[in-house]
Amino acid sequence: MIWVNQIIQGVLLGGYYALIACGLSFMFSVMGIINIAHGSFAILAAFGLFLLADQWGVSPFLGLIIVVPAMAAIGWALQRAVLERSSRAGILVPILSTFGLSIVIDNLLFEFFGADTRSLAPYIGSFSYDSWSLSDDIEIGQLSALIFATAVILLGGLQLFLSRTELGRAIRATAEDADTVGLIGVNARLVNATAAAIAMATVGLAGAALAMRATFDPYAGAPQLIFAFEAAVIGGAGSLWGTLIGGIVLGVAQNIGAQINPQGFFIAGHGIFLVILFARLFWGGAGAAFLNSLRRSA
């Protein structure tokens, strides 16, 4: 039963990883941009919620009504002011631009809030540790279950949005060929800014989840970016449902690794990421070479 419990807890942890990877995967799939400042923006949202709760007594859940639209506005401005211009210079420039932006955000947060760790757990009461008991050995945390459900609903909703709505189809078409969609009356700049706003809104939710379930500090963005990147790559970069699967695989691997050895939590997660990454590179390259050889022989 111990192993069953570790797998269940790993699945729930994977829900958080999928949630924080959602915005990264969405932005890459529809804009082809890897946002290195992704984790820093999540921490920015967490500090925004903390400020509302600590200074004005606003519940973190109610604070999302303010923080999520604010993050969407930041995403809009980020696309117009930074990503739109830098993406014209190639793939590398947006990466360097967002890397520099992450350094600025981290150090500004340090200047304003200091190096102390914080958490939103005290502001949500017993919900941070309440659980449902399935047996003597298995308990499911209510907050973990809420985060997992949020990840499923968000990823599923975005998938339906992209496939069933006019704006979603415009976003996908713009991702394929921004120049051609302009010929049929689609404003590619507006579509990309909207996509960036949606991605950053999901980052706001991820920052809230992190702040409620754990502690954070101004420099906590880098580890969250790594987890998001690993979940996205494991599930297949740009695949929303794959992001959920990738998050679950990462979470389960970490929990099983921790059960085997106390230091195995991160090692197992990074290990499964590297195995899948090299498998994709090797089999993807071998598959492409095989198909090319068939074409030449034909």
C-alpha atoms as a PDB file:
ATOM      1  CA  MET A   1       0.000   0.000   0.000  1.00  0.00           C
ATOM      2  CA  ILE A   2       2.953   2.320   0.539  1.00  0.00           C
ATOM      3  CA  TRP A   3       3.810   2.164  -3.159  1.00  0.00           C
ATOM      4  CA  VAL A   4       0.174   2.755  -4.104  1.00  0.00           C
ATOM      5  CA  ASN A   5       0.144   5.832  -1.892  1.00  0.00           C
ATOM      6  CA  GLN A   6       3.359   7.117  -3.461  1.00  0.00           C
ATOM      7  CA  ILE A   7       1.894   6.718  -6.937  1.00  0.00           C
ATOM      8  CA  ILE A   8      -1.318   8.511  -5.949  1.00  0.00           C
ATOM      9  CA  GLN A   9       0.624  11.369  -4.358  1.00  0.00           C
ATOM     10  CA  GLY A  10       2.841  11.480  -7.449  1.00  0.00           C
ATOM     11  CA  VAL A  11      -0.194  11.815  -9.705  1.00  0.00           C
ATOM     12  CA  LEU A  12      -1.495  14.688  -7.581  1.00  0.00           C
ATOM     13  CA  LEU A  13       1.933  16.339  -7.623  1.00  0.00           C
ATOM     14  CA  GLY A  14       1.911  15.876 -11.385  1.00  0.00           C
ATOM     15  CA  GLY A  15      -1.222  17.995 -11.504  1.00  0.00           C
ATOM     16  CA  TYR A  16       0.778  20.922 -10.150  1.00  0.00           C
ATOM     17  CA  TYR A  17       3.590  20.318 -12.634  1.00  0.00           C
ATOM     18  CA  ALA A  18       1.064  20.209 -15.471  1.00  0.00           C
ATOM     19  CA  LEU A  19      -0.504  23.435 -14.233  1.00  0.00           C
ATOM     20  CA  ILE A  20       2.788  25.321 -14.133  1.00  0.00           C
ATOM     21  CA  ALA A  21       3.823  23.843 -17.508  1.00  0.00           C
ATOM     22  CA  CYS A  22       0.517  24.793 -19.131  1.00  0.00           C
ATOM     23  CA  GLY A  23       1.460  28.373 -20.010  1.00  0.00           C
ATOM     24  CA  LEU A  24       4.918  27.354 -21.219  1.00  0.00           C
ATOM     25  CA  SER A  25       3.490  24.643 -23.460  1.00  0.00           C
ATOM     26  CA  PHE A  26       0.663  26.853 -24.733  1.00  0.00           C
ATOM     27  CA  MET A  27       3.001  29.707 -25.669  1.00  0.00           C
ATOM     28  CA  PHE A  28       5.385  27.346 -27.433  1.00  0.00           C
ATOM     29  CA  SER A  29       2.620  25.535 -29.316  1.00  0.00           C
ATOM     30  CA  VAL A  30       0.892  28.649 -30.664  1.00  0.00           C
ATOM     31  CA  MET A  31       3.811  31.105 -30.901  1.00  0.00           C
ATOM     32  CA  GLY A  32       6.929  28.934 -31.050  1.00  0.00           C
ATOM     33  CA  ILE A  33       8.479  30.908 -28.175  1.00  0.00           C
ATOM     34  CA  ILE A  34      10.168  29.477 -25.081  1.00  0.00           C
ATOM     35  CA  ASN A  35       9.581  31.934 -22.242  1.00  0.00           C
ATOM     36  CA  ILE A  36      12.568  31.646 -19.895  1.00  0.00           C
ATOM     37  CA  ALA A  37      10.895  34.153 -17.535  1.00  0.00           C
ATOM     38  CA  HIS A  38       7.977  31.738 -17.062  1.00  0.00           C
ATOM     39  CA  GLY A  39       8.953  30.697 -13.531  1.00  0.00           C
ATOM     40  CA  SER A  40       9.732  34.269 -12.475  1.00  0.00           C
ATOM     41  CA  PHE A  41       6.288  35.409 -13.604  1.00  0.00           C
ATOM     42  CA  ALA A  42       4.721  32.619 -11.513  1.00  0.00           C
ATOM     43  CA  ILE A  43       6.604  33.909  -8.465  1.00  0.00           C
ATOM     44  CA  LEU A  44       5.497  37.461  -9.321  1.00  0.00           C
ATOM     45  CA  ALA A  45       1.872  36.264  -9.229  1.00  0.00           C
ATOM     46  CA  ALA A  46       2.508  34.486  -5.926  1.00  0.00           C
ATOM     47  CA  PHE A  47       3.887  37.680  -4.377  1.00  0.00           C
ATOM     48  CA  GLY A  48       0.914  39.616  -5.747  1.00  0.00           C
ATOM     49  CA  LEU A  49      -1.474  37.276  -3.953  1.00  0.00           C
ATOM     50  CA  PHE A  50       0.663  37.402  -0.812  1.00  0.00           C
ATOM     51  CA  LEU A  51       0.601  41.205  -0.824  1.00  0.00           C
ATOM     52  CA  LEU A  52      -3.183  41.261  -1.170  1.00  0.00           C
ATOM     53  CA  ALA A  53      -3.594  38.754   1.672  1.00  0.00           C
ATOM     54  CA  ASP A  54      -0.994  40.236   4.014  1.00  0.00           C
ATOM     55  CA  GLN A  55      -1.708  43.943   3.548  1.00  0.00           C
ATOM     56  CA  TRP A  56      -5.423  44.029   2.816  1.00  0.00           C
ATOM     57  CA  GLY A  57      -6.696  40.708   4.151  1.00  0.00           C
ATOM     58  CA  VAL A  58      -7.935  39.509   0.749  1.00  0.00           C
ATOM     59  CA  SER A  59      -8.427  35.743   0.530  1.00  0.00           C
ATOM     60  CA  PRO A  60      -5.980  34.202  -1.965  1.00  0.00           C
ATOM     61  CA  PHE A  61      -8.918  32.687  -3.830  1.00  0.00           C
ATOM     62  CA  LEU A  62     -10.597  36.086  -4.167  1.00  0.00           C
ATOM     63  CA  GLY A  63      -7.227  37.617  -4.967  1.00  0.00           C
ATOM     64  CA  LEU A  64      -7.149  35.541  -8.150  1.00  0.00           C
ATOM     65  CA  ILE A  65      -9.886  37.812  -9.496  1.00  0.00           C
ATOM     66  CA  ILE A  66      -7.311  40.605  -9.445  1.00  0.00           C
ATOM     67  CA  VAL A  67      -4.069  38.758 -10.086  1.00  0.00           C
ATOM     68  CA  VAL A  68      -5.117  36.588 -13.042  1.00  0.00           C
ATOM     69  CA  PRO A  69      -6.383  39.521 -15.180  1.00  0.00           C
ATOM     70  CA  ALA A  70      -3.280  41.486 -14.144  1.00  0.00           C
ATOM     71  CA  MET A  71      -1.064  38.644 -15.351  1.00  0.00           C
ATOM     72  CA  ALA A  72      -3.034  38.502 -18.609  1.00  0.00           C
ATOM     73  CA  ALA A  73      -2.392  42.236 -19.077  1.00  0.00           C
ATOM     74  CA  ILE A  74       1.321  41.650 -18.432  1.00  0.00           C
ATOM     75  CA  GLY A  75       1.269  38.895 -21.061  1.00  0.00           C
ATOM     76  CA  TRP A  76      -0.335  41.249 -23.572  1.00  0.00           C
ATOM     77  CA  ALA A  77       2.270  43.925 -22.872  1.00  0.00           C
ATOM     78  CA  LEU A  78       5.086  41.349 -22.950  1.00  0.00           C
ATOM     79  CA  GLN A  79       4.086  40.229 -26.426  1.00  0.00           C
ATOM     80  CA  ARG A  80       3.736  43.745 -27.799  1.00  0.00           C
ATOM     81  CA  ALA A  81       6.843  45.224 -26.170  1.00  0.00           C
ATOM     82  CA  VAL A  82       9.326  42.323 -26.138  1.00  0.00           C
ATOM     83  CA  LEU A  83       8.347  39.089 -27.862  1.00  0.00           C
ATOM     84  CA  GLU A  84       6.927  40.583 -31.054  1.00  0.00           C
ATOM     85  CA  ARG A  85      10.078  42.550 -31.741  1.00  0.00           C
ATOM     86  CA  SER A  86      12.594  39.954 -30.592  1.00  0.00           C
ATOM     87  CA  SER A  87      10.973  37.071 -32.498  1.00  0.00           C
ATOM     88  CA  ARG A  88      11.704  38.833 -35.791  1.00  0.00           C
ATOM     89  CA  ALA A  89      15.417  38.291 -35.160  1.00  0.00           C
ATOM     90  CA  GLY A  90      15.157  34.504 -34.866  1.00  0.00           C
ATOM     91  CA  ILE A  91      14.553  31.849 -32.237  1.00  0.00           C
ATOM     92  CA  LEU A  92      17.474  32.718 -29.965  1.00  0.00           C
ATOM     93  CA  VAL A  93      16.669  36.383 -29.347  1.00  0.00           C
ATOM     94  CA  PRO A  94      13.317  35.796 -27.537  1.00  0.00           C
ATOM     95  CA  ILE A  95      15.081  33.263 -25.294  1.00  0.00           C
ATOM     96  CA  LEU A  96      17.797  35.779 -24.431  1.00  0.00           C
ATOM     97  CA  SER A  97      15.213  38.548 -23.957  1.00  0.00           C
ATOM     98  CA  THR A  98      13.075  36.550 -21.550  1.00  0.00           C
ATOM     99  CA  PHE A  99      16.198  35.324 -19.736  1.00  0.00           C
ATOM    100  CA  GLY A 100      17.193  38.926 -19.095  1.00  0.00           C
ATOM    101  CA  LEU A 101      13.637  39.723 -18.064  1.00  0.00           C
ATOM    102  CA  SER A 102      13.675  36.887 -15.519  1.00  0.00           C
ATOM    103  CA  ILE A 103      16.815  38.333 -13.915  1.00  0.00           C
ATOM    104  CA  VAL A 104      15.158  41.748 -13.668  1.00  0.00           C
ATOM    105  CA  ILE A 105      11.985  40.320 -12.106  1.00  0.00           C
ATOM    106  CA  ASP A 106      13.881  38.174  -9.599  1.00  0.00           C
ATOM    107  CA  ASN A 107      16.041  41.057  -8.413  1.00  0.00           C
ATOM    108  CA  LEU A 108      13.136  43.515  -8.213  1.00  0.00           C
ATOM    109  CA  LEU A 109      11.218  41.045  -6.058  1.00  0.00           C
ATOM    110  CA  PHE A 110      14.306  40.666  -3.870  1.00  0.00           C
ATOM    111  CA  GLU A 111      14.559  44.445  -3.495  1.00  0.00           C
ATOM    112  CA  PHE A 112      10.909  44.809  -2.494  1.00  0.00           C
ATOM    113  CA  PHE A 113      10.344  41.671  -0.401  1.00  0.00           C
ATOM    114  CA  GLY A 114      13.801  40.537   0.735  1.00  0.00           C
ATOM    115  CA  ALA A 115      15.080  36.970   0.795  1.00  0.00           C
ATOM    116  CA  ASP A 116      12.604  35.549   3.341  1.00  0.00           C
ATOM    117  CA  THR A 117      10.471  32.614   2.238  1.00  0.00           C
ATOM    118  CA  ARG A 118       6.715  33.052   2.308  1.00  0.00           C
ATOM    119  CA  SER A 119       3.596  30.967   1.845  1.00  0.00           C
ATOM    120  CA  LEU A 120      -0.124  31.483   1.364  1.00  0.00           C
ATOM    121  CA  ALA A 121      -0.913  28.433   3.504  1.00  0.00           C
ATOM    122  CA  PRO A 122      -1.632  30.527   6.641  1.00  0.00           C
ATOM    123  CA  TYR A 123      -4.185  32.553   4.672  1.00  0.00           C
ATOM    124  CA  ILE A 124      -6.284  29.574   3.556  1.00  0.00           C
ATOM    125  CA  GLY A 125      -6.611  27.958   6.965  1.00  0.00           C
ATOM    126  CA  SER A 126      -6.896  24.204   7.369  1.00  0.00           C
ATOM    127  CA  PHE A 127      -7.548  23.753   3.648  1.00  0.00           C
ATOM    128  CA  SER A 128      -3.775  23.697   3.148  1.00  0.00           C
ATOM    129  CA  TYR A 129      -3.498  20.410   5.075  1.00  0.00           C
ATOM    130  CA  ASP A 130      -7.018  18.902   5.180  1.00  0.00           C
ATOM    131  CA  SER A 131      -7.356  15.555   3.431  1.00  0.00           C
ATOM    132  CA  TRP A 132      -9.738  12.741   2.616  1.00  0.00           C
ATOM    133  CA  SER A 133      -8.801   9.381   4.079  1.00  0.00           C
ATOM    134  CA  LEU A 134      -9.233   6.460   1.673  1.00  0.00           C
ATOM    135  CA  SER A 135      -7.606   3.915   3.984  1.00  0.00           C
ATOM    136  CA  ASP A 136      -5.166   3.746   6.869  1.00  0.00           C
ATOM    137  CA  ASP A 137      -2.263   4.268   4.463  1.00  0.00           C
ATOM    138  CA  ILE A 138      -3.759   6.483   1.770  1.00  0.00           C
ATOM    139  CA  GLU A 139      -4.925  10.068   2.140  1.00  0.00           C
ATOM    140  CA  ILE A 140      -5.665  12.615  -0.557  1.00  0.00           C
ATOM    141  CA  GLY A 141      -4.975  16.252   0.237  1.00  0.00           C
ATOM    142  CA  GLN A 142      -7.893  18.524  -0.591  1.00  0.00           C
ATOM    143  CA  LEU A 143      -5.637  21.276  -1.910  1.00  0.00           C
ATOM    144  CA  SER A 144      -3.679  18.792  -4.042  1.00  0.00           C
ATOM    145  CA  ALA A 145      -6.938  17.433  -5.460  1.00  0.00           C
ATOM    146  CA  LEU A 146      -8.125  20.967  -6.262  1.00  0.00           C
ATOM    147  CA  ILE A 147      -4.853  21.774  -8.044  1.00  0.00           C
ATOM    148  CA  PHE A 148      -5.047  18.545 -10.047  1.00  0.00           C
ATOM    149  CA  ALA A 149      -8.675  19.224 -11.026  1.00  0.00           C
ATOM    150  CA  THR A 150      -7.738  22.783 -12.012  1.00  0.00           C
ATOM    151  CA  ALA A 151      -4.963  21.479 -14.252  1.00  0.00           C
ATOM    152  CA  VAL A 152      -7.293  18.997 -15.978  1.00  0.00           C
ATOM    153  CA  ILE A 153     -10.052  21.585 -16.482  1.00  0.00           C
ATOM    154  CA  LEU A 154      -7.610  24.250 -17.680  1.00  0.00           C
ATOM    155  CA  LEU A 155      -5.783  22.016 -20.150  1.00  0.00           C
ATOM    156  CA  GLY A 156      -9.032  20.493 -21.397  1.00  0.00           C
ATOM    157  CA  GLY A 157     -10.625  23.925 -21.691  1.00  0.00           C
ATOM    158  CA  LEU A 158      -7.700  25.299 -23.669  1.00  0.00           C
ATOM    159  CA  GLN A 159      -7.788  22.293 -25.986  1.00  0.00           C
ATOM    160  CA  LEU A 160     -11.501  22.841 -26.640  1.00  0.00           C
ATOM    161  CA  PHE A 161     -10.895  26.569 -27.028  1.00  0.00           C
ATOM    162  CA  LEU A 162      -8.271  25.997 -29.720  1.00  0.00           C
ATOM    163  CA  SER A 163     -10.343  23.460 -31.635  1.00  0.00           C
ATOM    164  CA  ARG A 164     -13.925  24.706 -31.246  1.00  0.00           C
ATOM    165  CA  THR A 165     -13.858  28.514 -31.151  1.00  0.00           C
ATOM    166  CA  GLU A 166     -13.212  31.033 -33.914  1.00  0.00           C
ATOM    167  CA  LEU A 167     -10.485  32.771 -31.901  1.00  0.00           C
ATOM    168  CA  GLY A 168      -8.868  29.433 -31.097  1.00  0.00           C
ATOM    169  CA  ARG A 169      -8.770  28.473 -34.753  1.00  0.00           C
ATOM    170  CA  ALA A 170      -7.340  31.912 -35.577  1.00  0.00           C
ATOM    171  CA  ILE A 171      -4.590  31.343 -32.993  1.00  0.00           C
ATOM    172  CA  ARG A 172      -3.724  27.962 -34.523  1.00  0.00           C
ATOM    173  CA  ALA A 173      -3.772  29.390 -38.046  1.00  0.00           C
ATOM    174  CA  THR A 174      -1.526  32.270 -36.996  1.00  0.00           C
ATOM    175  CA  ALA A 175       0.881  29.785 -35.452  1.00  0.00           C
ATOM    176  CA  GLU A 176       1.092  27.977 -38.787  1.00  0.00           C
ATOM    177  CA  ASP A 177       1.584  31.035 -41.006  1.00  0.00           C
ATOM    178  CA  ALA A 178       1.194  34.540 -39.605  1.00  0.00           C
ATOM    179  CA  ASP A 179       1.670  36.187 -42.993  1.00  0.00           C
ATOM    180  CA  THR A 180      -0.957  34.159 -44.843  1.00  0.00           C
ATOM    181  CA  VAL A 181      -3.722  34.623 -42.248  1.00  0.00           C
ATOM    182  CA  GLY A 182      -3.426  38.363 -42.761  1.00  0.00           C
ATOM    183  CA  LEU A 183      -4.712  37.844 -46.314  1.00  0.00           C
ATOM    184  CA  ILE A 184      -8.033  36.552 -44.950  1.00  0.00           C
ATOM    185  CA  GLY A 185      -8.503  39.403 -42.487  1.00  0.00           C
ATOM    186  CA  VAL A 186      -6.929  37.944 -39.329  1.00  0.00           C
ATOM    187  CA  ASN A 187      -4.915  40.423 -37.281  1.00  0.00           C
ATOM    188  CA  ALA A 188      -1.861  38.327 -36.416  1.00  0.00           C
ATOM    189  CA  ARG A 189      -0.529  40.875 -33.919  1.00  0.00           C
ATOM    190  CA  LEU A 190      -3.806  40.905 -32.002  1.00  0.00           C
ATOM    191  CA  VAL A 191      -4.053  37.116 -32.069  1.00  0.00           C
ATOM    192  CA  ASN A 192      -0.514  36.640 -30.751  1.00  0.00           C
ATOM    193  CA  ALA A 193      -1.055  39.230 -28.005  1.00  0.00           C
ATOM    194  CA  THR A 194      -4.239  37.399 -26.981  1.00  0.00           C
ATOM    195  CA  ALA A 195      -2.404  34.068 -26.913  1.00  0.00           C
ATOM    196  CA  ALA A 196       0.318  35.571 -24.711  1.00  0.00           C
ATOM    197  CA  ALA A 197      -2.333  36.992 -22.384  1.00  0.00           C
ATOM    198  CA  ILE A 198      -3.965  33.559 -22.056  1.00  0.00           C
ATOM    199  CA  ALA A 199      -0.607  31.910 -21.354  1.00  0.00           C
ATOM    200  CA  MET A 200       0.241  34.436 -18.652  1.00  0.00           C
ATOM    201  CA  ALA A 201      -3.191  34.069 -17.050  1.00  0.00           C
ATOM    202  CA  THR A 202      -2.447  30.375 -16.574  1.00  0.00           C
ATOM    203  CA  VAL A 203       0.884  31.356 -15.022  1.00  0.00           C
ATOM    204  CA  GLY A 204      -1.074  33.355 -12.458  1.00  0.00           C
ATOM    205  CA  LEU A 205      -3.001  30.232 -11.473  1.00  0.00           C
ATOM    206  CA  ALA A 206       0.242  28.243 -11.273  1.00  0.00           C
ATOM    207  CA  GLY A 207       1.800  30.867  -9.007  1.00  0.00           C
ATOM    208  CA  ALA A 208      -1.220  30.663  -6.705  1.00  0.00           C
ATOM    209  CA  ALA A 209      -0.957  26.869  -6.567  1.00  0.00           C
ATOM    210  CA  LEU A 210       2.732  27.060  -5.678  1.00  0.00           C
ATOM    211  CA  ALA A 211       2.182  29.664  -2.975  1.00  0.00           C
ATOM    212  CA  MET A 212      -0.637  27.672  -1.362  1.00  0.00           C
ATOM    213  CA  ARG A 213       1.034  24.265  -1.392  1.00  0.00           C
ATOM    214  CA  ALA A 214       4.623  25.259  -0.566  1.00  0.00           C
ATOM    215  CA  THR A 215       6.918  28.173   0.219  1.00  0.00           C
ATOM    216  CA  PHE A 216       8.435  30.609  -2.241  1.00  0.00           C
ATOM    217  CA  ASP A 217      11.028  33.370  -2.368  1.00  0.00           C
ATOM    218  CA  PRO A 218      12.146  35.880  -5.028  1.00  0.00           C
ATOM    219  CA  TYR A 219      14.544  33.392  -6.606  1.00  0.00           C
ATOM    220  CA  ALA A 220      12.194  30.394  -6.659  1.00  0.00           C
ATOM    221  CA  GLY A 221      11.323  30.913 -10.315  1.00  0.00           C
ATOM    222  CA  ALA A 222      14.230  28.948 -11.779  1.00  0.00           C
ATOM    223  CA  PRO A 223      13.294  25.583 -10.191  1.00  0.00           C
ATOM    224  CA  GLN A 224       9.674  26.051 -11.291  1.00  0.00           C
ATOM    225  CA  LEU A 225      10.824  26.741 -14.848  1.00  0.00           C
ATOM    226  CA  ILE A 226      12.839  23.505 -14.794  1.00  0.00           C
ATOM    227  CA  PHE A 227       9.843  21.481 -13.596  1.00  0.00           C
ATOM    228  CA  ALA A 228       7.603  23.111 -16.203  1.00  0.00           C
ATOM    229  CA  PHE A 229      10.120  22.490 -18.967  1.00  0.00           C
ATOM    230  CA  GLU A 230      10.596  18.855 -17.969  1.00  0.00           C
ATOM    231  CA  ALA A 231       6.841  18.199 -17.835  1.00  0.00           C
ATOM    232  CA  ALA A 232       6.340  19.838 -21.237  1.00  0.00           C
ATOM    233  CA  VAL A 233       9.178  17.878 -22.868  1.00  0.00           C
ATOM    234  CA  ILE A 234       8.165  14.547 -21.336  1.00  0.00           C
ATOM    235  CA  GLY A 235       4.608  15.000 -22.608  1.00  0.00           C
ATOM    236  CA  GLY A 236       5.674  16.349 -25.987  1.00  0.00           C
ATOM    237  CA  ALA A 237       6.409  20.051 -26.392  1.00  0.00           C
ATOM    238  CA  GLY A 238       3.313  21.910 -27.549  1.00  0.00           C
ATOM    239  CA  SER A 239       0.809  19.172 -26.640  1.00  0.00           C
ATOM    240  CA  LEU A 240      -1.652  20.304 -23.970  1.00  0.00           C
ATOM    241  CA  TRP A 241      -2.886  16.833 -22.990  1.00  0.00           C
ATOM    242  CA  GLY A 242       0.687  15.625 -23.287  1.00  0.00           C
ATOM    243  CA  THR A 243       1.639  18.280 -20.739  1.00  0.00           C
ATOM    244  CA  LEU A 244      -0.740  16.682 -18.236  1.00  0.00           C
ATOM    245  CA  ILE A 245       0.733  13.252 -18.887  1.00  0.00           C
ATOM    246  CA  GLY A 246       4.249  14.666 -18.656  1.00  0.00           C
ATOM    247  CA  GLY A 247       3.487  16.293 -15.319  1.00  0.00           C
ATOM    248  CA  ILE A 248       2.072  13.049 -13.935  1.00  0.00           C
ATOM    249  CA  VAL A 249       5.070  11.019 -15.141  1.00  0.00           C
ATOM    250  CA  LEU A 250       7.436  13.538 -13.548  1.00  0.00           C
ATOM    251  CA  GLY A 251       5.526  13.605 -10.260  1.00  0.00           C
ATOM    252  CA  VAL A 252       5.267   9.822  -9.982  1.00  0.00           C
ATOM    253  CA  ALA A 253       8.965   9.389 -10.810  1.00  0.00           C
ATOM    254  CA  GLN A 254       9.948  11.890  -8.123  1.00  0.00           C
ATOM    255  CA  ASN A 255       7.784  10.270  -5.449  1.00  0.00           C
ATOM    256  CA  ILE A 256       9.004   6.765  -6.243  1.00  0.00           C
ATOM    257  CA  GLY A 257      12.588   8.034  -6.247  1.00  0.00           C
ATOM    258  CA  ALA A 258      12.074   9.610  -2.821  1.00  0.00           C
ATOM    259  CA  GLN A 259      10.672   6.316  -1.537  1.00  0.00           C
ATOM    260  CA  ILE A 260      13.775   4.453  -2.693  1.00  0.00           C
ATOM    261  CA  ASN A 261      16.237   7.029  -1.386  1.00  0.00           C
ATOM    262  CA  PRO A 262      15.688  10.326   0.481  1.00  0.00           C
ATOM    263  CA  GLN A 263      17.857  12.078  -2.109  1.00  0.00           C
ATOM    264  CA  GLY A 264      16.125  10.399  -5.015  1.00  0.00           C
ATOM    265  CA  PHE A 265      13.284  12.910  -5.404  1.00  0.00           C
ATOM    266  CA  PHE A 266      15.055  15.236  -7.813  1.00  0.00           C
ATOM    267  CA  ILE A 267      17.394  12.601  -9.222  1.00  0.00           C
ATOM    268  CA  ALA A 268      14.512  10.376 -10.344  1.00  0.00           C
ATOM    269  CA  GLY A 269      12.663  13.310 -11.905  1.00  0.00           C
ATOM    270  CA  HIS A 270      15.676  14.554 -13.832  1.00  0.00           C
ATOM    271  CA  GLY A 271      16.543  10.977 -14.767  1.00  0.00           C
ATOM    272  CA  ILE A 272      13.171  10.189 -16.338  1.00  0.00           C
ATOM    273  CA  PHE A 273      13.338  13.522 -18.165  1.00  0.00           C
ATOM    274  CA  LEU A 274      16.749  12.712 -19.650  1.00  0.00           C
ATOM    275  CA  VAL A 275      15.714   9.176 -20.618  1.00  0.00           C
ATOM    276  CA  ILE A 276      12.633  10.419 -22.474  1.00  0.00           C
ATOM    277  CA  LEU A 277      14.531  13.331 -24.017  1.00  0.00           C
ATOM    278  CA  PHE A 278      17.262  11.078 -25.427  1.00  0.00           C
ATOM    279  CA  ALA A 279      14.660   8.544 -26.546  1.00  0.00           C
ATOM    280  CA  ARG A 280      12.854  11.277 -28.483  1.00  0.00           C
ATOM    281  CA  LEU A 281      16.093  12.506 -30.026  1.00  0.00           C
ATOM    282  CA  PHE A 282      17.317   9.033 -30.944  1.00  0.00           C
ATOM    283  CA  TRP A 283      14.086   7.460 -32.163  1.00  0.00           C
ATOM    284  CA  GLY A 284      12.929  10.695 -33.769  1.00  0.00           C
ATOM    285  CA  GLY A 285      16.189  10.988 -35.711  1.00  0.00           C
ATOM    286  CA  ALA A 286      16.235   7.283 -36.573  1.00  0.00           C
ATOM    287  CA  GLY A 287      12.613   7.410 -37.709  1.00  0.00           C
ATOM    288  CA  ALA A 288      13.230  10.417 -39.918  1.00  0.00           C
ATOM    289  CA  ALA A 289      16.307   8.790 -41.469  1.00  0.00           C
ATOM    290  CA  PHE A 290      14.355   5.588 -42.128  1.00  0.00           C
ATOM    291  CA  LEU A 291      11.542   7.483 -43.864  1.00  0.00           C
ATOM    292  CA  ASN A 292      14.029   9.454 -45.941  1.00  0.00           C
ATOM    293  CA  SER A 293      15.734   6.240 -47.053  1.00  0.00           C
ATOM    294  CA  LEU A 294      12.369   4.822 -48.105  1.00  0.00           C
ATOM    295  CA  ARG A 295      11.624   7.947 -50.118  1.00  0.00           C
ATOM    296  CA  ARG A 296      15.016   7.763 -51.867  1.00  0.00           C
ATOM    297  CA  SER A 297      14.574   4.067 -52.686  1.00  0.00           C
ATOM    298  CA  ALA A 298      11.112   4.724 -54.094  1.00  0.00           C
END
